[in-house]
Amino acid sequence: AVWQPQFWVYGTFRSALQSFDNDLGTGRSELVSRLDLFGNLQLSGSE
């Protein structure tokens, strides 16, 4: 096999301001965030 190592970092950041409520008064308001971060070590086209 011939490997040509390459390393890439990518991801997705999400931040949501959201509120919900119902007739029972058990809703919620929140500002929350999420980060999905990946490091990809590409060795070849298939590895």
All heavy atoms as atom14 arrays in JSON, in Angstrom:
{
  "sequence": "AVWQPQFWVYGTFRSALQSFDNDLGTGRSELVSRLDLFGNLQLSGSE",
  "atom14_mask": [
    [1, 1, 1, 1, 1, 0, 0, 0, 0, 0, 0, 0, 0, 0],
    [1, 1, 1, 1, 1, 1, 1, 0, 0, 0, 0, 0, 0, 0],
    [1, 1, 1, 1, 1, 1, 1, 1, 1, 1, 1, 1, 1, 1],
    [1, 1, 1, 1, 1, 1, 1, 1, 1, 0, 0, 0, 0, 0],
    [1, 1, 1, 1, 1, 1, 1, 0, 0, 0, 0, 0, 0, 0],
    [1, 1, 1, 1, 1, 1, 1, 1, 1, 0, 0, 0, 0, 0],
    [1, 1, 1, 1, 1, 1, 1, 1, 1, 1, 1, 0, 0, 0],
    [1, 1, 1, 1, 1, 1, 1, 1, 1, 1, 1, 1, 1, 1],
    [1, 1, 1, 1, 1, 1, 1, 0, 0, 0, 0, 0, 0, 0],
    [1, 1, 1, 1, 1, 1, 1, 1, 1, 1, 1, 1, 0, 0],
    [1, 1, 1, 1, 0, 0, 0, 0, 0, 0, 0, 0, 0, 0],
    [1, 1, 1, 1, 1, 1, 1, 0, 0, 0, 0, 0, 0, 0],
    [1, 1, 1, 1, 1, 1, 1, 1, 1, 1, 1, 0, 0, 0],
    [1, 1, 1, 1, 1, 1, 1, 1, 1, 1, 1, 0, 0, 0],
    [1, 1, 1, 1, 1, 1, 0, 0, 0, 0, 0, 0, 0, 0],
    [1, 1, 1, 1, 1, 0, 0, 0, 0, 0, 0, 0, 0, 0],
    [1, 1, 1, 1, 1, 1, 1, 1, 0, 0, 0, 0, 0, 0],
    [1, 1, 1, 1, 1, 1, 1, 1, 1, 0, 0, 0, 0, 0],
    [1, 1, 1, 1, 1, 1, 0, 0, 0, 0, 0, 0, 0, 0],
    [1, 1, 1, 1, 1, 1, 1, 1, 1, 1, 1, 0, 0, 0],
    [1, 1, 1, 1, 1, 1, 1, 1, 0, 0, 0, 0, 0, 0],
    [1, 1, 1, 1, 1, 1, 1, 1, 0, 0, 0, 0, 0, 0],
    [1, 1, 1, 1, 1, 1, 1, 1, 0, 0, 0, 0, 0, 0],
    [1, 1, 1, 1, 1, 1, 1, 1, 0, 0, 0, 0, 0, 0],
    [1, 1, 1, 1, 0, 0, 0, 0, 0, 0, 0, 0, 0, 0],
    [1, 1, 1, 1, 1, 1, 1, 0, 0, 0, 0, 0, 0, 0],
    [1, 1, 1, 1, 0, 0, 0, 0, 0, 0, 0, 0, 0, 0],
    [1, 1, 1, 1, 1, 1, 1, 1, 1, 1, 1, 0, 0, 0],
    [1, 1, 1, 1, 1, 1, 0, 0, 0, 0, 0, 0, 0, 0],
    [1, 1, 1, 1, 1, 1, 1, 1, 1, 0, 0, 0, 0, 0],
    [1, 1, 1, 1, 1, 1, 1, 1, 0, 0, 0, 0, 0, 0],
    [1, 1, 1, 1, 1, 1, 1, 0, 0, 0, 0, 0, 0, 0],
    [1, 1, 1, 1, 1, 1, 0, 0, 0, 0, 0, 0, 0, 0],
    [1, 1, 1, 1, 1, 1, 1, 1, 1, 1, 1, 0, 0, 0],
    [1, 1, 1, 1, 1, 1, 1, 1, 0, 0, 0, 0, 0, 0],
    [1, 1, 1, 1, 1, 1, 1, 1, 0, 0, 0, 0, 0, 0],
    [1, 1, 1, 1, 1, 1, 1, 1, 0, 0, 0, 0, 0, 0],
    [1, 1, 1, 1, 1, 1, 1, 1, 1, 1, 1, 0, 0, 0],
    [1, 1, 1, 1, 0, 0, 0, 0, 0, 0, 0, 0, 0, 0],
    [1, 1, 1, 1, 1, 1, 1, 1, 0, 0, 0, 0, 0, 0],
    [1, 1, 1, 1, 1, 1, 1, 1, 0, 0, 0, 0, 0, 0],
    [1, 1, 1, 1, 1, 1, 1, 1, 1, 0, 0, 0, 0, 0],
    [1, 1, 1, 1, 1, 1, 1, 1, 0, 0, 0, 0, 0, 0],
    [1, 1, 1, 1, 1, 1, 0, 0, 0, 0, 0, 0, 0, 0],
    [1, 1, 1, 1, 0, 0, 0, 0, 0, 0, 0, 0, 0, 0],
    [1, 1, 1, 1, 1, 1, 0, 0, 0, 0, 0, 0, 0, 0],
    [1, 1, 1, 1, 1, 1, 1, 1, 1, 0, 0, 0, 0, 0]
  ],
  "atom14_positions": [
    [[0.84, -1.2, 0.0], [0.0, 0.0, 0.0], [0.87, 1.25, 0.0], [2.0, 1.25, 0.52], [-0.92, 0.0, 1.21], [0.0, 0.0, 0.0], [0.0, 0.0, 0.0], [0.0, 0.0, 0.0], [0.0, 0.0, 0.0], [0.0, 0.0, 0.0], [0.0, 0.0, 0.0], [0.0, 0.0, 0.0], [0.0, 0.0, 0.0], [0.0, 0.0, 0.0]],
    [[0.35, 2.3, -0.59], [1.01, 3.6, -0.59], [0.14, 4.57, 0.19], [-1.01, 4.81, -0.17], [1.24, 4.12, -2.02], [1.86, 5.51, -1.98], [2.13, 3.17, -2.8], [0.0, 0.0, 0.0], [0.0, 0.0, 0.0], [0.0, 0.0, 0.0], [0.0, 0.0, 0.0], [0.0, 0.0, 0.0], [0.0, 0.0, 0.0], [0.0, 0.0, 0.0]],
    [[0.68, 5.1, 1.27], [-0.05, 6.06, 2.09], [0.51, 7.45, 1.87], [1.73, 7.66, 1.81], [0.07, 5.7, 3.57], [-0.85, 4.58, 3.99], [-1.71, 3.88, 3.18], [-1.01, 4.04, 5.31], [-2.39, 2.94, 3.91], [-1.98, 3.01, 5.22], [-0.43, 4.31, 6.53], [-2.38, 2.26, 6.32], [-0.82, 3.58, 7.64], [-1.79, 2.57, 7.54]],
    [[-0.41, 8.42, 1.75], [-0.06, 9.84, 1.63], [-0.76, 10.58, 2.76], [-1.86, 11.11, 2.6], [-0.53, 10.39, 0.27], [0.14, 9.71, -0.9], [-0.85, 9.19, -1.93], [-2.03, 9.05, -1.65], [-0.35, 8.87, -3.1], [0.0, 0.0, 0.0], [0.0, 0.0, 0.0], [0.0, 0.0, 0.0], [0.0, 0.0, 0.0], [0.0, 0.0, 0.0]],
    [[-0.16, 10.59, 3.96], [-0.85, 11.12, 5.14], [-1.23, 12.6, 4.98], [-0.43, 13.42, 4.55], [0.17, 10.93, 6.26], [1.08, 9.85, 5.78], [1.16, 10.04, 4.29], [0.0, 0.0, 0.0], [0.0, 0.0, 0.0], [0.0, 0.0, 0.0], [0.0, 0.0, 0.0], [0.0, 0.0, 0.0], [0.0, 0.0, 0.0], [0.0, 0.0, 0.0]],
    [[-2.46, 12.9, 5.33], [-2.97, 14.26, 5.37], [-3.9, 14.37, 6.58], [-4.63, 13.42, 6.88], [-3.75, 14.58, 4.09], [-2.94, 14.38, 2.82], [-3.82, 14.43, 1.57], [-4.16, 15.51, 1.12], [-4.17, 13.28, 1.04], [0.0, 0.0, 0.0], [0.0, 0.0, 0.0], [0.0, 0.0, 0.0], [0.0, 0.0, 0.0], [0.0, 0.0, 0.0]],
    [[-3.86, 15.49, 7.24], [-4.67, 15.66, 8.44], [-5.53, 16.91, 8.31], [-5.05, 17.99, 8.01], [-3.77, 15.79, 9.68], [-4.54, 15.86, 10.97], [-5.23, 14.76, 11.45], [-4.6, 17.05, 11.7], [-5.94, 14.81, 12.63], [-5.31, 17.12, 12.88], [-5.99, 16.0, 13.35], [0.0, 0.0, 0.0], [0.0, 0.0, 0.0], [0.0, 0.0, 0.0]],
    [[-6.84, 16.72, 8.51], [-7.79, 17.83, 8.41], [-8.62, 17.9, 9.69], [-9.01, 16.87, 10.24], [-8.73, 17.63, 7.21], [-8.01, 17.36, 5.92], [-6.93, 18.01, 5.43], [-8.31, 16.33, 4.98], [-6.54, 17.47, 4.23], [-7.37, 16.43, 3.92], [-9.29, 15.34, 4.89], [-7.37, 15.59, 2.82], [-9.3, 14.48, 3.8], [-8.36, 14.62, 2.78]],
    [[-8.91, 19.1, 10.12], [-9.78, 19.32, 11.26], [-11.0, 20.1, 10.77], [-10.88, 21.11, 10.08], [-9.07, 20.12, 12.38], [-10.04, 20.44, 13.52], [-7.88, 19.33, 12.91], [0.0, 0.0, 0.0], [0.0, 0.0, 0.0], [0.0, 0.0, 0.0], [0.0, 0.0, 0.0], [0.0, 0.0, 0.0], [0.0, 0.0, 0.0], [0.0, 0.0, 0.0]],
    [[-12.17, 19.61, 11.12], [-13.41, 20.26, 10.7], [-14.48, 19.99, 11.75], [-14.29, 19.16, 12.66], [-13.87, 19.75, 9.33], [-14.15, 18.26, 9.29], [-15.42, 17.77, 9.52], [-13.13, 17.35, 9.04], [-15.68, 16.41, 9.5], [-13.37, 15.99, 9.02], [-14.65, 15.53, 9.24], [-14.9, 14.18, 9.22], [0.0, 0.0, 0.0], [0.0, 0.0, 0.0]],
    [[-15.61, 20.63, 11.62], [-16.67, 20.4, 12.59], [-17.85, 21.32, 12.37], [-17.92, 22.06, 11.38], [0.0, 0.0, 0.0], [0.0, 0.0, 0.0], [0.0, 0.0, 0.0], [0.0, 0.0, 0.0], [0.0, 0.0, 0.0], [0.0, 0.0, 0.0], [0.0, 0.0, 0.0], [0.0, 0.0, 0.0], [0.0, 0.0, 0.0], [0.0, 0.0, 0.0]],
    [[-18.77, 21.29, 13.34], [-19.97, 22.11, 13.3], [-20.25, 22.65, 14.7], [-20.29, 21.88, 15.66], [-21.18, 21.3, 12.82], [-20.93, 20.77, 11.52], [-22.42, 22.18, 12.74], [0.0, 0.0, 0.0], [0.0, 0.0, 0.0], [0.0, 0.0, 0.0], [0.0, 0.0, 0.0], [0.0, 0.0, 0.0], [0.0, 0.0, 0.0], [0.0, 0.0, 0.0]],
    [[-20.44, 23.97, 14.78], [-20.84, 24.61, 16.03], [-22.28, 25.05, 15.9], [-22.68, 25.67, 14.92], [-19.95, 25.81, 16.33], [-20.44, 26.63, 17.5], [-20.24, 26.17, 18.8], [-21.11, 27.83, 17.31], [-20.69, 26.9, 19.89], [-21.57, 28.56, 18.39], [-21.36, 28.11, 19.68], [0.0, 0.0, 0.0], [0.0, 0.0, 0.0], [0.0, 0.0, 0.0]],
    [[-23.09, 24.71, 16.93], [-24.5, 25.09, 16.96], [-24.81, 25.8, 18.27], [-24.37, 25.34, 19.34], [-25.4, 23.86, 16.82], [-25.2, 23.05, 15.57], [-25.99, 21.74, 15.61], [-27.43, 21.99, 15.71], [-28.33, 21.02, 15.9], [-27.94, 19.75, 16.02], [-29.62, 21.31, 15.98], [0.0, 0.0, 0.0], [0.0, 0.0, 0.0], [0.0, 0.0, 0.0]],
    [[-25.57, 26.86, 18.19], [-26.04, 27.55, 19.39], [-27.5, 27.91, 19.17], [-27.85, 28.55, 18.17], [-25.21, 28.81, 19.65], [-25.56, 29.39, 20.89], [0.0, 0.0, 0.0], [0.0, 0.0, 0.0], [0.0, 0.0, 0.0], [0.0, 0.0, 0.0], [0.0, 0.0, 0.0], [0.0, 0.0, 0.0], [0.0, 0.0, 0.0], [0.0, 0.0, 0.0]],
    [[-28.36, 27.5, 20.11], [-29.81, 27.63, 19.92], [-30.43, 28.37, 21.09], [-30.16, 28.07, 22.26], [-30.45, 26.26, 19.77], [0.0, 0.0, 0.0], [0.0, 0.0, 0.0], [0.0, 0.0, 0.0], [0.0, 0.0, 0.0], [0.0, 0.0, 0.0], [0.0, 0.0, 0.0], [0.0, 0.0, 0.0], [0.0, 0.0, 0.0], [0.0, 0.0, 0.0]],
    [[-31.25, 29.36, 20.77], [-32.1, 30.04, 21.73], [-33.52, 29.56, 21.47], [-34.06, 29.79, 20.39], [-32.0, 31.55, 21.56], [-32.93, 32.41, 22.45], [-32.6, 32.2, 23.92], [-32.84, 33.87, 22.05], [0.0, 0.0, 0.0], [0.0, 0.0, 0.0], [0.0, 0.0, 0.0], [0.0, 0.0, 0.0], [0.0, 0.0, 0.0], [0.0, 0.0, 0.0]],
    [[-34.1, 28.87, 22.43], [-35.38, 28.22, 22.17], [-36.26, 28.23, 23.42], [-35.77, 28.22, 24.56], [-35.18, 26.79, 21.67], [-34.2, 25.97, 22.48], [-33.68, 24.76, 21.72], [-33.72, 24.68, 20.5], [-33.18, 23.79, 22.46], [0.0, 0.0, 0.0], [0.0, 0.0, 0.0], [0.0, 0.0, 0.0], [0.0, 0.0, 0.0], [0.0, 0.0, 0.0]],
    [[-37.57, 28.26, 23.16], [-38.54, 28.31, 24.25], [-39.79, 27.55, 23.84], [-40.23, 27.65, 22.69], [-38.89, 29.77, 24.58], [-39.87, 29.84, 25.61], [0.0, 0.0, 0.0], [0.0, 0.0, 0.0], [0.0, 0.0, 0.0], [0.0, 0.0, 0.0], [0.0, 0.0, 0.0], [0.0, 0.0, 0.0], [0.0, 0.0, 0.0], [0.0, 0.0, 0.0]],
    [[-40.34, 26.78, 24.76], [-41.6, 26.08, 24.5], [-42.42, 26.08, 25.77], [-41.91, 26.19, 26.89], [-41.34, 24.65, 24.02], [-40.64, 23.76, 25.01], [-41.36, 22.95, 25.87], [-39.26, 23.73, 25.08], [-40.72, 22.13, 26.78], [-38.6, 22.93, 25.99], [-39.34, 22.12, 26.85], [0.0, 0.0, 0.0], [0.0, 0.0, 0.0], [0.0, 0.0, 0.0]],
    [[-43.73, 25.96, 25.6], [-44.63, 26.01, 26.73], [-45.88, 25.21, 26.4], [-46.16, 24.92, 25.23], [-45.0, 27.46, 27.05], [-45.61, 27.59, 28.46], [-45.62, 26.59, 29.2], [-46.07, 28.7, 28.79], [0.0, 0.0, 0.0], [0.0, 0.0, 0.0], [0.0, 0.0, 0.0], [0.0, 0.0, 0.0], [0.0, 0.0, 0.0], [0.0, 0.0, 0.0]],
    [[-46.63, 24.84, 27.42], [-47.9, 24.16, 27.24], [-48.88, 24.61, 28.31], [-48.53, 25.4, 29.2], [-47.72, 22.63, 27.25], [-47.02, 22.14, 28.51], [-47.3, 22.6, 29.61], [-46.09, 21.2, 28.33], [0.0, 0.0, 0.0], [0.0, 0.0, 0.0], [0.0, 0.0, 0.0], [0.0, 0.0, 0.0], [0.0, 0.0, 0.0], [0.0, 0.0, 0.0]],
    [[-50.09, 24.1, 28.24], [-51.13, 24.53, 29.18], [-50.85, 24.09, 30.61], [-51.48, 24.59, 31.56], [-52.49, 23.98, 28.74], [-52.97, 24.62, 27.45], [-52.43, 25.68, 27.1], [-53.87, 24.05, 26.79], [0.0, 0.0, 0.0], [0.0, 0.0, 0.0], [0.0, 0.0, 0.0], [0.0, 0.0, 0.0], [0.0, 0.0, 0.0], [0.0, 0.0, 0.0]],
    [[-49.91, 23.16, 30.79], [-49.57, 22.69, 32.13], [-48.49, 23.54, 32.77], [-48.15, 23.35, 33.95], [-49.09, 21.23, 32.08], [-50.1, 20.21, 31.51], [-49.47, 18.83, 31.46], [-51.37, 20.2, 32.35], [0.0, 0.0, 0.0], [0.0, 0.0, 0.0], [0.0, 0.0, 0.0], [0.0, 0.0, 0.0], [0.0, 0.0, 0.0], [0.0, 0.0, 0.0]],
    [[-47.9, 24.46, 31.99], [-46.86, 25.33, 32.54], [-45.54, 24.65, 32.78], [-44.76, 25.06, 33.64], [0.0, 0.0, 0.0], [0.0, 0.0, 0.0], [0.0, 0.0, 0.0], [0.0, 0.0, 0.0], [0.0, 0.0, 0.0], [0.0, 0.0, 0.0], [0.0, 0.0, 0.0], [0.0, 0.0, 0.0], [0.0, 0.0, 0.0], [0.0, 0.0, 0.0]],
    [[-45.26, 23.59, 32.04], [-44.02, 22.82, 32.24], [-43.04, 23.06, 31.1], [-42.25, 22.18, 30.76], [-44.33, 21.32, 32.35], [-45.05, 20.91, 31.16], [-45.18, 21.03, 33.56], [0.0, 0.0, 0.0], [0.0, 0.0, 0.0], [0.0, 0.0, 0.0], [0.0, 0.0, 0.0], [0.0, 0.0, 0.0], [0.0, 0.0, 0.0], [0.0, 0.0, 0.0]],
    [[-43.08, 24.22, 30.49], [-42.17, 24.52, 29.39], [-40.8, 24.94, 29.89], [-40.47, 24.87, 31.09], [0.0, 0.0, 0.0], [0.0, 0.0, 0.0], [0.0, 0.0, 0.0], [0.0, 0.0, 0.0], [0.0, 0.0, 0.0], [0.0, 0.0, 0.0], [0.0, 0.0, 0.0], [0.0, 0.0, 0.0], [0.0, 0.0, 0.0], [0.0, 0.0, 0.0]],
    [[-39.99, 25.41, 28.96], [-38.62, 25.79, 29.29], [-38.13, 26.77, 28.25], [-38.48, 26.71, 27.08], [-37.72, 24.56, 29.31], [-36.27, 24.86, 29.63], [-35.39, 23.63, 29.55], [-35.74, 22.64, 30.57], [-35.05, 21.53, 30.79], [-33.98, 21.26, 30.04], [-35.43, 20.69, 31.72], [0.0, 0.0, 0.0], [0.0, 0.0, 0.0], [0.0, 0.0, 0.0]],
    [[-37.27, 27.7, 28.71], [-36.53, 28.59, 27.83], [-35.04, 28.36, 28.08], [-34.62, 28.21, 29.24], [-36.89, 30.05, 28.08], [-38.26, 30.29, 27.8], [0.0, 0.0, 0.0], [0.0, 0.0, 0.0], [0.0, 0.0, 0.0], [0.0, 0.0, 0.0], [0.0, 0.0, 0.0], [0.0, 0.0, 0.0], [0.0, 0.0, 0.0], [0.0, 0.0, 0.0]],
    [[-34.24, 28.34, 27.01], [-32.83, 28.0, 27.18], [-31.99, 28.57, 26.05], [-32.5, 28.83, 24.94], [-32.65, 26.47, 27.24], [-33.16, 25.76, 26.01], [-33.1, 24.23, 26.13], [-32.76, 23.73, 27.21], [-33.39, 23.56, 25.12], [0.0, 0.0, 0.0], [0.0, 0.0, 0.0], [0.0, 0.0, 0.0], [0.0, 0.0, 0.0], [0.0, 0.0, 0.0]],
    [[-30.73, 28.77, 26.36], [-29.71, 29.11, 25.37], [-28.61, 28.08, 25.53], [-27.89, 28.08, 26.54], [-29.17, 30.52, 25.58], [-27.98, 30.93, 24.71], [-28.35, 30.87, 23.23], [-27.48, 32.33, 25.08], [0.0, 0.0, 0.0], [0.0, 0.0, 0.0], [0.0, 0.0, 0.0], [0.0, 0.0, 0.0], [0.0, 0.0, 0.0], [0.0, 0.0, 0.0]],
    [[-28.49, 27.17, 24.59], [-27.56, 26.04, 24.72], [-26.7, 25.95, 23.46], [-27.08, 26.44, 22.39], [-28.32, 24.72, 24.94], [-28.92, 24.68, 26.33], [-29.4, 24.53, 23.88], [0.0, 0.0, 0.0], [0.0, 0.0, 0.0], [0.0, 0.0, 0.0], [0.0, 0.0, 0.0], [0.0, 0.0, 0.0], [0.0, 0.0, 0.0], [0.0, 0.0, 0.0]],
    [[-25.56, 25.29, 23.61], [-24.62, 25.18, 22.49], [-24.12, 23.75, 22.36], [-24.12, 22.98, 23.32], [-23.42, 26.13, 22.69], [-23.85, 27.47, 22.71], [0.0, 0.0, 0.0], [0.0, 0.0, 0.0], [0.0, 0.0, 0.0], [0.0, 0.0, 0.0], [0.0, 0.0, 0.0], [0.0, 0.0, 0.0], [0.0, 0.0, 0.0], [0.0, 0.0, 0.0]],
    [[-23.67, 23.45, 21.15], [-23.13, 22.13, 20.84], [-21.99, 22.3, 19.84], [-22.09, 23.09, 18.9], [-24.23, 21.24, 20.24], [-23.75, 19.92, 19.64], [-24.9, 19.08, 19.15], [-24.43, 17.89, 18.44], [-25.2, 16.9, 18.02], [-26.51, 16.94, 18.23], [-24.69, 15.85, 17.39], [0.0, 0.0, 0.0], [0.0, 0.0, 0.0], [0.0, 0.0, 0.0]],
    [[-20.93, 21.55, 20.04], [-19.78, 21.56, 19.13], [-19.41, 20.13, 18.79], [-19.1, 19.33, 19.68], [-18.59, 22.28, 19.76], [-17.28, 22.26, 18.97], [-17.46, 22.96, 17.63], [-16.15, 22.89, 19.76], [0.0, 0.0, 0.0], [0.0, 0.0, 0.0], [0.0, 0.0, 0.0], [0.0, 0.0, 0.0], [0.0, 0.0, 0.0], [0.0, 0.0, 0.0]],
    [[-19.46, 19.79, 17.52], [-18.97, 18.51, 17.01], [-17.68, 18.79, 16.26], [-17.69, 19.42, 15.2], [-19.99, 17.87, 16.08], [-21.28, 17.49, 16.78], [-22.06, 18.39, 17.13], [-21.51, 16.29, 16.97], [0.0, 0.0, 0.0], [0.0, 0.0, 0.0], [0.0, 0.0, 0.0], [0.0, 0.0, 0.0], [0.0, 0.0, 0.0], [0.0, 0.0, 0.0]],
    [[-16.56, 18.32, 16.8], [-15.24, 18.61, 16.25], [-14.54, 17.31, 15.89], [-14.49, 16.37, 16.7], [-14.41, 19.4, 17.26], [-13.16, 20.09, 16.74], [-13.5, 21.14, 15.69], [-12.39, 20.73, 17.89], [0.0, 0.0, 0.0], [0.0, 0.0, 0.0], [0.0, 0.0, 0.0], [0.0, 0.0, 0.0], [0.0, 0.0, 0.0], [0.0, 0.0, 0.0]],
    [[-13.99, 17.25, 14.66], [-13.38, 16.02, 14.16], [-11.98, 16.29, 13.63], [-11.72, 17.35, 13.04], [-14.22, 15.42, 13.03], [-15.61, 15.02, 13.44], [-16.68, 15.88, 13.25], [-15.84, 13.78, 14.02], [-17.95, 15.52, 13.63], [-17.11, 13.41, 14.41], [-18.17, 14.29, 14.22], [0.0, 0.0, 0.0], [0.0, 0.0, 0.0], [0.0, 0.0, 0.0]],
    [[-11.11, 15.31, 13.85], [-9.79, 15.29, 13.23], [-9.7, 14.07, 12.34], [-9.88, 12.94, 12.81], [0.0, 0.0, 0.0], [0.0, 0.0, 0.0], [0.0, 0.0, 0.0], [0.0, 0.0, 0.0], [0.0, 0.0, 0.0], [0.0, 0.0, 0.0], [0.0, 0.0, 0.0], [0.0, 0.0, 0.0], [0.0, 0.0, 0.0], [0.0, 0.0, 0.0]],
    [[-9.43, 14.29, 11.05], [-9.42, 13.21, 10.07], [-7.99, 13.01, 9.55], [-7.43, 13.88, 8.89], [-10.33, 13.55, 8.9], [-10.45, 12.41, 7.9], [-11.36, 11.6, 7.99], [-9.54, 12.33, 6.94], [0.0, 0.0, 0.0], [0.0, 0.0, 0.0], [0.0, 0.0, 0.0], [0.0, 0.0, 0.0], [0.0, 0.0, 0.0], [0.0, 0.0, 0.0]],
    [[-7.39, 11.88, 9.9], [-6.08, 11.51, 9.38], [-6.3, 10.63, 8.15], [-6.58, 9.43, 8.28], [-5.25, 10.78, 10.44], [-3.88, 10.27, 9.99], [-3.0, 11.41, 9.51], [-3.2, 9.49, 11.11], [0.0, 0.0, 0.0], [0.0, 0.0, 0.0], [0.0, 0.0, 0.0], [0.0, 0.0, 0.0], [0.0, 0.0, 0.0], [0.0, 0.0, 0.0]],
    [[-6.2, 11.23, 6.97], [-6.43, 10.51, 5.72], [-5.12, 9.87, 5.28], [-4.14, 10.57, 5.01], [-6.96, 11.45, 4.64], [-7.58, 10.76, 3.46], [-8.94, 10.14, 3.8], [-9.66, 10.66, 4.63], [-9.26, 9.04, 3.15], [0.0, 0.0, 0.0], [0.0, 0.0, 0.0], [0.0, 0.0, 0.0], [0.0, 0.0, 0.0], [0.0, 0.0, 0.0]],
    [[-5.08, 8.55, 5.22], [-3.87, 7.83, 4.87], [-3.82, 7.5, 3.4], [-2.75, 7.46, 2.79], [-3.76, 6.57, 5.71], [-3.73, 6.81, 7.22], [-3.84, 5.5, 7.98], [-2.47, 7.57, 7.63], [0.0, 0.0, 0.0], [0.0, 0.0, 0.0], [0.0, 0.0, 0.0], [0.0, 0.0, 0.0], [0.0, 0.0, 0.0], [0.0, 0.0, 0.0]],
    [[-4.97, 7.21, 2.81], [-5.08, 6.93, 1.38], [-6.53, 7.18, 0.99], [-7.32, 7.68, 1.79], [-4.67, 5.48, 1.08], [-5.63, 4.57, 1.59], [0.0, 0.0, 0.0], [0.0, 0.0, 0.0], [0.0, 0.0, 0.0], [0.0, 0.0, 0.0], [0.0, 0.0, 0.0], [0.0, 0.0, 0.0], [0.0, 0.0, 0.0], [0.0, 0.0, 0.0]],
    [[-6.87, 6.8, -0.23], [-8.24, 6.99, -0.66], [-9.23, 6.11, 0.07], [-10.43, 6.41, 0.1], [0.0, 0.0, 0.0], [0.0, 0.0, 0.0], [0.0, 0.0, 0.0], [0.0, 0.0, 0.0], [0.0, 0.0, 0.0], [0.0, 0.0, 0.0], [0.0, 0.0, 0.0], [0.0, 0.0, 0.0], [0.0, 0.0, 0.0], [0.0, 0.0, 0.0]],
    [[-8.76, 5.04, 0.71], [-9.67, 4.11, 1.38], [-9.36, 3.9, 2.86], [-10.15, 3.28, 3.56], [-9.66, 2.75, 0.67], [-8.33, 2.25, 0.56], [0.0, 0.0, 0.0], [0.0, 0.0, 0.0], [0.0, 0.0, 0.0], [0.0, 0.0, 0.0], [0.0, 0.0, 0.0], [0.0, 0.0, 0.0], [0.0, 0.0, 0.0], [0.0, 0.0, 0.0]],
    [[-8.24, 4.4, 3.35], [-7.88, 4.22, 4.76], [-7.82, 5.57, 5.46], [-7.24, 6.54, 4.94], [-6.52, 3.52, 4.91], [-6.56, 2.04, 4.74], [-6.78, 1.61, 3.28], [-6.1, 2.17, 2.4], [-7.63, 0.74, 3.05], [0.0, 0.0, 0.0], [0.0, 0.0, 0.0], [0.0, 0.0, 0.0], [0.0, 0.0, 0.0], [0.0, 0.0, 0.0]]
  ]
}
